[in-house]
Amino acid sequence: MPRNLDMTALRSFAAVADSGGVTRAAGLLHLTQSAVSMQLKRLEESLGRTLLDRAGRGVALTADGEQLLGYARRMLSLNDEIYERLTDHAYEGEIVLGVPLDVVYPAVPKVLRLLHADYPRMKINLVSSYTTVLHQMFARGDCDVIVTTENHLDAGGEELNELPLVWVGAPDGSAWKARPLGLGFEYKCFFRKGVQGALDKAGIPWFMAVESEAYRTIEATVSADLAIHAVIEGTETPQMEPINHGGALPELASVKINMYAADTFTGGFADALLARLRQAFSDI
């Protein structure tokens, strides 16, 4: 007679494996530690196998546990997809997405619009900050997914695109012709140091015409033709346009656009969000 696996127990097992412990898994599942431990015990008894090595301080998977984890993830993903498609209970909840302000446009509004159409009860809390801050939030568990702009890819990340920086200024502006050259950047902008270095190498004198914590301040000053700025190609706002400098300004380095997702961020909605982000940033 066929036996059925307990999907609730499988979900607890996968959460423990992904988070590295019963305590953290219980918090993610909104269950007590004893409830999660009991589910794991029942799962092991039903299979007649030891799935977790509890000898050390942490929790490690046995060989049987490692084998089961792959099956469990596929079963849970299929379960969630069936439940989503064939019931009247749409996905509900809230996730936190972190994106640097300078790459929010044009990709992210499109992603938010499409996902809202497919998952109207899911709330995406968009947080915009510097890449270093987003990495810190992600490490603390304050973000489910982050998009970053950086010159390398950390472990666990996925490169979505690599694009060059381009000089931007006011539409039909002439600030780029001035010497010394006026620059506008946020204090902690990742691009700032590299841009200044490129100008120094080219022997072009420059000064900081505007510095601010707020990107809008930079945008307003540049659009007033009082300074120039640098952005990732394809992310220019309507207030600024690429400068056709004909070689009067140095070429700038390329920047990676990366994505990091929490191990526990799984299921139909998670897959849809990650796929939308991949597509949107590859299309820039």
C-alpha atoms as a PDB file:
ATOM      1  CA  MET A   1       0.000   0.000   0.000  1.00  0.00           C
ATOM      2  CA  PRO A   2       1.497   3.392  -0.970  1.00  0.00           C
ATOM      3  CA  ARG A   3       2.434   5.750   1.829  1.00  0.00           C
ATOM      4  CA  ASN A   4       2.103   9.524   1.675  1.00  0.00           C
ATOM      5  CA  LEU A   5       4.703  12.009   2.772  1.00  0.00           C
ATOM      6  CA  ASP A   6       3.638  14.808   5.114  1.00  0.00           C
ATOM      7  CA  MET A   7       4.058  18.067   3.155  1.00  0.00           C
ATOM      8  CA  THR A   8       4.108  20.117   6.362  1.00  0.00           C
ATOM      9  CA  ALA A   9       6.960  18.010   7.694  1.00  0.00           C
ATOM     10  CA  LEU A  10       8.792  18.294   4.367  1.00  0.00           C
ATOM     11  CA  ARG A  11       8.443  22.078   4.499  1.00  0.00           C
ATOM     12  CA  SER A  12       9.901  22.133   8.015  1.00  0.00           C
ATOM     13  CA  PHE A  13      12.753  19.852   6.926  1.00  0.00           C
ATOM     14  CA  ALA A  14      13.598  22.088   3.961  1.00  0.00           C
ATOM     15  CA  ALA A  15      13.439  25.217   6.145  1.00  0.00           C
ATOM     16  CA  VAL A  16      15.827  23.692   8.690  1.00  0.00           C
ATOM     17  CA  ALA A  17      18.221  22.621   5.941  1.00  0.00           C
ATOM     18  CA  ASP A  18      18.160  26.055   4.277  1.00  0.00           C
ATOM     19  CA  SER A  19      18.386  28.137   7.447  1.00  0.00           C
ATOM     20  CA  GLY A  20      20.859  25.916   9.292  1.00  0.00           C
ATOM     21  CA  GLY A  21      18.897  25.355  12.468  1.00  0.00           C
ATOM     22  CA  VAL A  22      15.568  24.544  14.075  1.00  0.00           C
ATOM     23  CA  THR A  23      15.287  27.909  15.864  1.00  0.00           C
ATOM     24  CA  ARG A  24      15.605  30.011  12.710  1.00  0.00           C
ATOM     25  CA  ALA A  25      13.369  27.643  10.737  1.00  0.00           C
ATOM     26  CA  ALA A  26      10.681  27.891  13.398  1.00  0.00           C
ATOM     27  CA  GLY A  27      10.744  31.667  13.123  1.00  0.00           C
ATOM     28  CA  LEU A  28      10.479  31.562   9.342  1.00  0.00           C
ATOM     29  CA  LEU A  29       7.568  29.108   9.498  1.00  0.00           C
ATOM     30  CA  HIS A  30       5.857  30.909  12.407  1.00  0.00           C
ATOM     31  CA  LEU A  31       5.897  27.709  14.467  1.00  0.00           C
ATOM     32  CA  THR A  32       7.351  26.766  17.834  1.00  0.00           C
ATOM     33  CA  GLN A  33      10.689  24.970  17.974  1.00  0.00           C
ATOM     34  CA  SER A  34       9.027  21.950  19.540  1.00  0.00           C
ATOM     35  CA  ALA A  35       6.501  21.751  16.683  1.00  0.00           C
ATOM     36  CA  VAL A  36       9.269  21.800  14.074  1.00  0.00           C
ATOM     37  CA  SER A  37      11.294  19.206  16.002  1.00  0.00           C
ATOM     38  CA  MET A  38       8.246  16.951  16.256  1.00  0.00           C
ATOM     39  CA  GLN A  39       7.576  17.205  12.520  1.00  0.00           C
ATOM     40  CA  LEU A  40      11.198  16.295  11.769  1.00  0.00           C
ATOM     41  CA  LYS A  41      10.977  13.301  14.103  1.00  0.00           C
ATOM     42  CA  ARG A  42       7.768  12.068  12.429  1.00  0.00           C
ATOM     43  CA  LEU A  43       9.356  12.476   8.991  1.00  0.00           C
ATOM     44  CA  GLU A  44      12.395  10.426  10.015  1.00  0.00           C
ATOM     45  CA  GLU A  45      10.169   7.737  11.559  1.00  0.00           C
ATOM     46  CA  SER A  46       7.965   7.518   8.466  1.00  0.00           C
ATOM     47  CA  LEU A  47      10.995   7.031   6.205  1.00  0.00           C
ATOM     48  CA  GLY A  48      12.962   4.925   8.642  1.00  0.00           C
ATOM     49  CA  ARG A  49      16.035   7.083   8.005  1.00  0.00           C
ATOM     50  CA  THR A  50      18.063   9.572  10.016  1.00  0.00           C
ATOM     51  CA  LEU A  51      17.950  12.858   8.086  1.00  0.00           C
ATOM     52  CA  LEU A  52      19.789  15.226  10.425  1.00  0.00           C
ATOM     53  CA  ASP A  53      23.090  14.897  12.231  1.00  0.00           C
ATOM     54  CA  ARG A  54      22.504  16.437  15.640  1.00  0.00           C
ATOM     55  CA  ALA A  55      25.875  15.523  17.145  1.00  0.00           C
ATOM     56  CA  GLY A  56      27.473  18.960  16.708  1.00  0.00           C
ATOM     57  CA  ARG A  57      26.376  22.393  17.864  1.00  0.00           C
ATOM     58  CA  GLY A  58      24.545  23.070  14.636  1.00  0.00           C
ATOM     59  CA  VAL A  59      22.344  20.913  12.433  1.00  0.00           C
ATOM     60  CA  ALA A  60      23.862  19.083   9.461  1.00  0.00           C
ATOM     61  CA  LEU A  61      22.252  16.821   6.874  1.00  0.00           C
ATOM     62  CA  THR A  62      23.094  13.147   6.714  1.00  0.00           C
ATOM     63  CA  ALA A  63      23.627  11.507   3.319  1.00  0.00           C
ATOM     64  CA  ASP A  64      19.950  10.469   3.340  1.00  0.00           C
ATOM     65  CA  GLY A  65      18.965  14.021   4.296  1.00  0.00           C
ATOM     66  CA  GLU A  66      20.924  15.480   1.401  1.00  0.00           C
ATOM     67  CA  GLN A  67      19.188  13.093  -0.974  1.00  0.00           C
ATOM     68  CA  LEU A  68      15.756  13.930   0.400  1.00  0.00           C
ATOM     69  CA  LEU A  69      16.318  17.705   0.227  1.00  0.00           C
ATOM     70  CA  GLY A  70      16.354  17.804  -3.572  1.00  0.00           C
ATOM     71  CA  TYR A  71      13.105  15.828  -3.735  1.00  0.00           C
ATOM     72  CA  ALA A  72      11.546  17.954  -0.997  1.00  0.00           C
ATOM     73  CA  ARG A  73      12.258  21.214  -2.792  1.00  0.00           C
ATOM     74  CA  ARG A  74      10.722  19.947  -6.027  1.00  0.00           C
ATOM     75  CA  MET A  75       7.652  18.591  -4.230  1.00  0.00           C
ATOM     76  CA  LEU A  76       7.114  21.799  -2.276  1.00  0.00           C
ATOM     77  CA  SER A  77       7.497  23.923  -5.391  1.00  0.00           C
ATOM     78  CA  LEU A  78       4.978  21.762  -7.264  1.00  0.00           C
ATOM     79  CA  ASN A  79       2.606  21.783  -4.275  1.00  0.00           C
ATOM     80  CA  ASP A  80       2.717  25.583  -4.113  1.00  0.00           C
ATOM     81  CA  GLU A  81       2.180  25.905  -7.850  1.00  0.00           C
ATOM     82  CA  ILE A  82      -0.861  23.596  -7.782  1.00  0.00           C
ATOM     83  CA  TYR A  83      -2.325  25.408  -4.797  1.00  0.00           C
ATOM     84  CA  GLU A  84      -1.845  28.752  -6.496  1.00  0.00           C
ATOM     85  CA  ARG A  85      -3.375  27.718  -9.804  1.00  0.00           C
ATOM     86  CA  LEU A  86      -6.290  25.594  -8.664  1.00  0.00           C
ATOM     87  CA  THR A  87      -7.673  27.350  -5.605  1.00  0.00           C
ATOM     88  CA  ASP A  88      -9.271  30.704  -4.991  1.00  0.00           C
ATOM     89  CA  HIS A  89      -6.625  31.569  -2.398  1.00  0.00           C
ATOM     90  CA  ALA A  90      -4.155  33.876  -4.087  1.00  0.00           C
ATOM     91  CA  TYR A  91      -0.702  34.399  -2.649  1.00  0.00           C
ATOM     92  CA  GLU A  92      -0.827  36.820   0.237  1.00  0.00           C
ATOM     93  CA  GLY A  93       2.015  38.365   2.172  1.00  0.00           C
ATOM     94  CA  GLU A  94       4.824  40.873   1.991  1.00  0.00           C
ATOM     95  CA  ILE A  95       8.418  40.639   0.788  1.00  0.00           C
ATOM     96  CA  VAL A  96      11.217  43.194   0.846  1.00  0.00           C
ATOM     97  CA  LEU A  97      13.099  43.982  -2.360  1.00  0.00           C
ATOM     98  CA  GLY A  98      16.210  46.158  -2.161  1.00  0.00           C
ATOM     99  CA  VAL A  99      17.436  48.046  -5.236  1.00  0.00           C
ATOM    100  CA  PRO A 100      19.977  50.884  -5.567  1.00  0.00           C
ATOM    101  CA  LEU A 101      18.156  54.099  -6.435  1.00  0.00           C
ATOM    102  CA  ASP A 102      20.164  54.700  -9.608  1.00  0.00           C
ATOM    103  CA  VAL A 103      18.957  51.439 -11.226  1.00  0.00           C
ATOM    104  CA  VAL A 104      15.323  51.529 -10.105  1.00  0.00           C
ATOM    105  CA  TYR A 105      14.438  53.002 -13.515  1.00  0.00           C
ATOM    106  CA  PRO A 106      13.497  51.738 -16.007  1.00  0.00           C
ATOM    107  CA  ALA A 107      13.458  48.101 -14.877  1.00  0.00           C
ATOM    108  CA  VAL A 108      11.769  47.962 -11.471  1.00  0.00           C
ATOM    109  CA  PRO A 109       8.450  49.767 -12.156  1.00  0.00           C
ATOM    110  CA  LYS A 110       7.794  47.300 -14.990  1.00  0.00           C
ATOM    111  CA  VAL A 111       8.521  44.356 -12.677  1.00  0.00           C
ATOM    112  CA  LEU A 112       6.221  45.721  -9.957  1.00  0.00           C
ATOM    113  CA  ARG A 113       3.395  46.331 -12.419  1.00  0.00           C
ATOM    114  CA  LEU A 114       3.526  42.843 -13.952  1.00  0.00           C
ATOM    115  CA  LEU A 115       3.779  41.083 -10.603  1.00  0.00           C
ATOM    116  CA  HIS A 116       0.879  43.057  -9.158  1.00  0.00           C
ATOM    117  CA  ALA A 117      -1.264  41.908 -12.070  1.00  0.00           C
ATOM    118  CA  ASP A 118      -0.404  38.246 -11.391  1.00  0.00           C
ATOM    119  CA  TYR A 119      -0.269  38.420  -7.576  1.00  0.00           C
ATOM    120  CA  PRO A 120      -2.547  41.291  -6.486  1.00  0.00           C
ATOM    121  CA  ARG A 121      -2.503  40.267  -2.811  1.00  0.00           C
ATOM    122  CA  MET A 122       1.268  40.178  -2.520  1.00  0.00           C
ATOM    123  CA  LYS A 123       2.934  43.367  -1.316  1.00  0.00           C
ATOM    124  CA  ILE A 124       6.452  44.164  -2.477  1.00  0.00           C
ATOM    125  CA  ASN A 125       8.116  46.598  -0.106  1.00  0.00           C
ATOM    126  CA  LEU A 126      10.719  48.352  -2.268  1.00  0.00           C
ATOM    127  CA  VAL A 127      13.763  49.668  -0.391  1.00  0.00           C
ATOM    128  CA  SER A 128      16.300  51.883  -2.187  1.00  0.00           C
ATOM    129  CA  SER A 129      19.759  52.451  -0.779  1.00  0.00           C
ATOM    130  CA  TYR A 130      23.456  52.018  -1.514  1.00  0.00           C
ATOM    131  CA  THR A 131      24.726  48.568  -2.444  1.00  0.00           C
ATOM    132  CA  THR A 132      26.785  48.322   0.772  1.00  0.00           C
ATOM    133  CA  VAL A 133      23.699  49.059   2.870  1.00  0.00           C
ATOM    134  CA  LEU A 134      21.599  46.557   0.912  1.00  0.00           C
ATOM    135  CA  HIS A 135      24.212  43.841   1.483  1.00  0.00           C
ATOM    136  CA  GLN A 136      24.093  44.576   5.222  1.00  0.00           C
ATOM    137  CA  MET A 137      20.294  44.400   5.256  1.00  0.00           C
ATOM    138  CA  PHE A 138      20.345  41.142   3.300  1.00  0.00           C
ATOM    139  CA  ALA A 139      22.868  39.599   5.717  1.00  0.00           C
ATOM    140  CA  ARG A 140      20.578  40.507   8.644  1.00  0.00           C
ATOM    141  CA  GLY A 141      17.573  38.978   6.921  1.00  0.00           C
ATOM    142  CA  ASP A 142      15.887  42.358   6.415  1.00  0.00           C
ATOM    143  CA  CYS A 143      15.613  41.882   2.635  1.00  0.00           C
ATOM    144  CA  ASP A 144      14.358  38.810   0.764  1.00  0.00           C
ATOM    145  CA  VAL A 145      15.975  39.875  -2.510  1.00  0.00           C
ATOM    146  CA  ILE A 146      18.489  42.576  -3.375  1.00  0.00           C
ATOM    147  CA  VAL A 147      19.783  43.923  -6.661  1.00  0.00           C
ATOM    148  CA  THR A 148      23.261  45.461  -6.476  1.00  0.00           C
ATOM    149  CA  THR A 149      25.690  47.482  -8.572  1.00  0.00           C
ATOM    150  CA  GLU A 150      29.296  46.426  -7.982  1.00  0.00           C
ATOM    151  CA  ASN A 151      32.508  45.371  -9.727  1.00  0.00           C
ATOM    152  CA  HIS A 152      32.468  41.752  -8.478  1.00  0.00           C
ATOM    153  CA  LEU A 153      30.013  38.953  -7.667  1.00  0.00           C
ATOM    154  CA  ASP A 154      29.867  37.558  -4.132  1.00  0.00           C
ATOM    155  CA  ALA A 155      29.119  33.921  -3.316  1.00  0.00           C
ATOM    156  CA  GLY A 156      25.460  33.059  -3.740  1.00  0.00           C
ATOM    157  CA  GLY A 157      24.811  35.902  -6.174  1.00  0.00           C
ATOM    158  CA  GLU A 158      23.709  35.906  -9.798  1.00  0.00           C
ATOM    159  CA  GLU A 159      24.982  38.337 -12.416  1.00  0.00           C
ATOM    160  CA  LEU A 160      22.076  39.854 -14.342  1.00  0.00           C
ATOM    161  CA  ASN A 161      24.024  42.146 -16.657  1.00  0.00           C
ATOM    162  CA  GLU A 162      27.273  44.061 -17.072  1.00  0.00           C
ATOM    163  CA  LEU A 163      27.052  47.517 -18.598  1.00  0.00           C
ATOM    164  CA  PRO A 164      29.362  50.518 -19.010  1.00  0.00           C
ATOM    165  CA  LEU A 165      29.016  53.768 -17.141  1.00  0.00           C
ATOM    166  CA  VAL A 166      28.190  56.748 -19.350  1.00  0.00           C
ATOM    167  CA  TRP A 167      28.493  60.484 -18.800  1.00  0.00           C
ATOM    168  CA  VAL A 168      25.162  62.297 -18.459  1.00  0.00           C
ATOM    169  CA  GLY A 169      24.218  65.945 -18.262  1.00  0.00           C
ATOM    170  CA  ALA A 170      21.340  68.324 -18.882  1.00  0.00           C
ATOM    171  CA  PRO A 171      19.500  67.952 -22.192  1.00  0.00           C
ATOM    172  CA  ASP A 172      21.410  70.116 -24.701  1.00  0.00           C
ATOM    173  CA  GLY A 173      23.688  71.121 -21.815  1.00  0.00           C
ATOM    174  CA  SER A 174      27.246  72.453 -21.984  1.00  0.00           C
ATOM    175  CA  ALA A 175      28.530  71.880 -18.447  1.00  0.00           C
ATOM    176  CA  TRP A 176      30.714  69.037 -19.730  1.00  0.00           C
ATOM    177  CA  LYS A 177      32.825  71.540 -21.691  1.00  0.00           C
ATOM    178  CA  ALA A 178      33.877  73.573 -18.623  1.00  0.00           C
ATOM    179  CA  ARG A 179      37.318  73.227 -17.064  1.00  0.00           C
ATOM    180  CA  PRO A 180      37.616  72.489 -14.267  1.00  0.00           C
ATOM    181  CA  LEU A 181      34.773  70.061 -14.792  1.00  0.00           C
ATOM    182  CA  GLY A 182      31.887  70.238 -12.296  1.00  0.00           C
ATOM    183  CA  LEU A 183      30.728  66.861 -10.951  1.00  0.00           C
ATOM    184  CA  GLY A 184      27.605  65.913  -9.035  1.00  0.00           C
ATOM    185  CA  PHE A 185      27.555  62.726  -6.921  1.00  0.00           C
ATOM    186  CA  GLU A 186      26.121  61.296  -3.746  1.00  0.00           C
ATOM    187  CA  TYR A 187      28.647  60.943  -0.933  1.00  0.00           C
ATOM    188  CA  LYS A 188      28.553  57.134  -0.946  1.00  0.00           C
ATOM    189  CA  CYS A 189      27.988  56.565  -4.656  1.00  0.00           C
ATOM    190  CA  PHE A 190      29.809  53.435  -5.804  1.00  0.00           C
ATOM    191  CA  PHE A 191      30.746  55.067  -9.137  1.00  0.00           C
ATOM    192  CA  ARG A 192      32.247  58.243  -7.692  1.00  0.00           C
ATOM    193  CA  LYS A 193      35.812  57.117  -6.979  1.00  0.00           C
ATOM    194  CA  GLY A 194      36.251  55.412 -10.350  1.00  0.00           C
ATOM    195  CA  VAL A 195      34.942  58.447 -12.242  1.00  0.00           C
ATOM    196  CA  GLN A 196      37.299  60.788 -10.420  1.00  0.00           C
ATOM    197  CA  GLY A 197      40.173  58.409 -11.090  1.00  0.00           C
ATOM    198  CA  ALA A 198      39.370  58.303 -14.811  1.00  0.00           C
ATOM    199  CA  LEU A 199      39.427  62.115 -14.969  1.00  0.00           C
ATOM    200  CA  ASP A 200      42.739  62.263 -13.081  1.00  0.00           C
ATOM    201  CA  LYS A 201      44.266  59.719 -15.454  1.00  0.00           C
ATOM    202  CA  ALA A 202      43.077  61.761 -18.440  1.00  0.00           C
ATOM    203  CA  GLY A 203      44.518  64.961 -16.932  1.00  0.00           C
ATOM    204  CA  ILE A 204      41.154  66.699 -16.748  1.00  0.00           C
ATOM    205  CA  PRO A 205      40.755  69.015 -13.726  1.00  0.00           C
ATOM    206  CA  TRP A 206      37.501  68.656 -11.816  1.00  0.00           C
ATOM    207  CA  PHE A 207      35.694  69.789  -8.676  1.00  0.00           C
ATOM    208  CA  MET A 208      32.600  68.642  -6.814  1.00  0.00           C
ATOM    209  CA  ALA A 209      29.902  71.078  -7.849  1.00  0.00           C
ATOM    210  CA  VAL A 210      27.322  69.283  -5.705  1.00  0.00           C
ATOM    211  CA  GLU A 211      27.443  66.526  -3.096  1.00  0.00           C
ATOM    212  CA  SER A 212      24.430  65.143  -1.290  1.00  0.00           C
ATOM    213  CA  GLU A 213      22.865  62.138   0.412  1.00  0.00           C
ATOM    214  CA  ALA A 214      19.841  62.567  -1.867  1.00  0.00           C
ATOM    215  CA  TYR A 215      19.887  61.453  -5.492  1.00  0.00           C
ATOM    216  CA  ARG A 216      17.165  63.979  -6.339  1.00  0.00           C
ATOM    217  CA  THR A 217      19.531  66.791  -5.372  1.00  0.00           C
ATOM    218  CA  ILE A 218      22.140  65.476  -7.798  1.00  0.00           C
ATOM    219  CA  GLU A 219      19.528  65.015 -10.505  1.00  0.00           C
ATOM    220  CA  ALA A 220      18.196  68.564 -10.099  1.00  0.00           C
ATOM    221  CA  THR A 221      21.661  70.139 -10.223  1.00  0.00           C
ATOM    222  CA  VAL A 222      22.724  68.137 -13.269  1.00  0.00           C
ATOM    223  CA  SER A 223      19.456  68.860 -15.100  1.00  0.00           C
ATOM    224  CA  ALA A 224      20.080  72.576 -14.433  1.00  0.00           C
ATOM    225  CA  ASP A 225      23.369  72.191 -16.386  1.00  0.00           C
ATOM    226  CA  LEU A 226      25.495  73.020 -13.329  1.00  0.00           C
ATOM    227  CA  ALA A 227      27.323  69.681 -13.213  1.00  0.00           C
ATOM    228  CA  ILE A 228      27.616  66.316 -14.931  1.00  0.00           C
ATOM    229  CA  HIS A 229      27.153  62.837 -13.566  1.00  0.00           C
ATOM    230  CA  ALA A 230      27.713  59.170 -14.545  1.00  0.00           C
ATOM    231  CA  VAL A 231      25.123  56.395 -14.655  1.00  0.00           C
ATOM    232  CA  ILE A 232      24.866  52.835 -15.915  1.00  0.00           C
ATOM    233  CA  GLU A 233      24.046  52.861 -19.613  1.00  0.00           C
ATOM    234  CA  GLY A 234      20.301  52.539 -20.144  1.00  0.00           C
ATOM    235  CA  THR A 235      19.278  53.865 -16.714  1.00  0.00           C
ATOM    236  CA  GLU A 236      19.187  57.565 -17.576  1.00  0.00           C
ATOM    237  CA  THR A 237      16.175  59.507 -16.291  1.00  0.00           C
ATOM    238  CA  PRO A 238      14.279  61.991 -18.515  1.00  0.00           C
ATOM    239  CA  GLN A 239      15.976  64.876 -16.667  1.00  0.00           C
ATOM    240  CA  MET A 240      19.399  63.830 -17.974  1.00  0.00           C
ATOM    241  CA  GLU A 241      20.786  62.557 -21.260  1.00  0.00           C
ATOM    242  CA  PRO A 242      24.020  60.878 -22.364  1.00  0.00           C
ATOM    243  CA  ILE A 243      26.702  63.393 -23.309  1.00  0.00           C
ATOM    244  CA  ASN A 244      27.954  63.226 -26.877  1.00  0.00           C
ATOM    245  CA  HIS A 245      31.428  64.442 -25.957  1.00  0.00           C
ATOM    246  CA  GLY A 246      33.295  63.104 -28.988  1.00  0.00           C
ATOM    247  CA  GLY A 247      36.188  61.832 -26.871  1.00  0.00           C
ATOM    248  CA  ALA A 248      36.590  64.980 -24.772  1.00  0.00           C
ATOM    249  CA  LEU A 249      35.789  62.929 -21.666  1.00  0.00           C
ATOM    250  CA  PRO A 250      37.380  59.582 -20.748  1.00  0.00           C
ATOM    251  CA  GLU A 251      35.623  56.271 -21.241  1.00  0.00           C
ATOM    252  CA  LEU A 252      34.351  54.802 -17.978  1.00  0.00           C
ATOM    253  CA  ALA A 253      34.443  51.284 -16.529  1.00  0.00           C
ATOM    254  CA  SER A 254      31.720  48.665 -16.697  1.00  0.00           C
ATOM    255  CA  VAL A 255      29.563  47.750 -13.696  1.00  0.00           C
ATOM    256  CA  LYS A 256      27.915  44.455 -12.803  1.00  0.00           C
ATOM    257  CA  ILE A 257      24.234  44.354 -11.903  1.00  0.00           C
ATOM    258  CA  ASN A 258      23.850  41.401  -9.538  1.00  0.00           C
ATOM    259  CA  MET A 259      20.993  39.752  -7.667  1.00  0.00           C
ATOM    260  CA  TYR A 260      20.982  37.924  -4.329  1.00  0.00           C
ATOM    261  CA  ALA A 261      17.980  35.962  -3.021  1.00  0.00           C
ATOM    262  CA  ALA A 262      17.545  34.380   0.404  1.00  0.00           C
ATOM    263  CA  ASP A 263      17.647  30.566   0.450  1.00  0.00           C
ATOM    264  CA  THR A 264      14.234  30.538   2.082  1.00  0.00           C
ATOM    265  CA  PHE A 265      12.686  32.706  -0.638  1.00  0.00           C
ATOM    266  CA  THR A 266      11.038  29.946  -2.683  1.00  0.00           C
ATOM    267  CA  GLY A 267       7.724  29.084  -4.291  1.00  0.00           C
ATOM    268  CA  GLY A 268       5.673  30.302  -7.212  1.00  0.00           C
ATOM    269  CA  PHE A 269       5.774  34.006  -6.359  1.00  0.00           C
ATOM    270  CA  ALA A 270       9.513  33.904  -5.634  1.00  0.00           C
ATOM    271  CA  ASP A 271      10.223  32.213  -8.954  1.00  0.00           C
ATOM    272  CA  ALA A 272       8.089  34.797 -10.763  1.00  0.00           C
ATOM    273  CA  LEU A 273       9.800  37.769  -9.103  1.00  0.00           C
ATOM    274  CA  LEU A 274      13.311  36.467  -9.779  1.00  0.00           C
ATOM    275  CA  ALA A 275      12.436  35.679 -13.394  1.00  0.00           C
ATOM    276  CA  ARG A 276      10.978  39.164 -13.901  1.00  0.00           C
ATOM    277  CA  LEU A 277      14.079  40.802 -12.435  1.00  0.00           C
ATOM    278  CA  ARG A 278      16.371  38.708 -14.638  1.00  0.00           C
ATOM    279  CA  GLN A 279      14.414  39.686 -17.736  1.00  0.00           C
ATOM    280  CA  ALA A 280      14.063  43.373 -16.867  1.00  0.00           C
ATOM    281  CA  PHE A 281      17.739  43.947 -16.122  1.00  0.00           C
ATOM    282  CA  SER A 282      18.965  41.891 -19.064  1.00  0.00           C
ATOM    283  CA  ASP A 283      16.798  44.063 -21.343  1.00  0.00           C
ATOM    284  CA  ILE A 284      18.444  47.363 -20.247  1.00  0.00           C
END
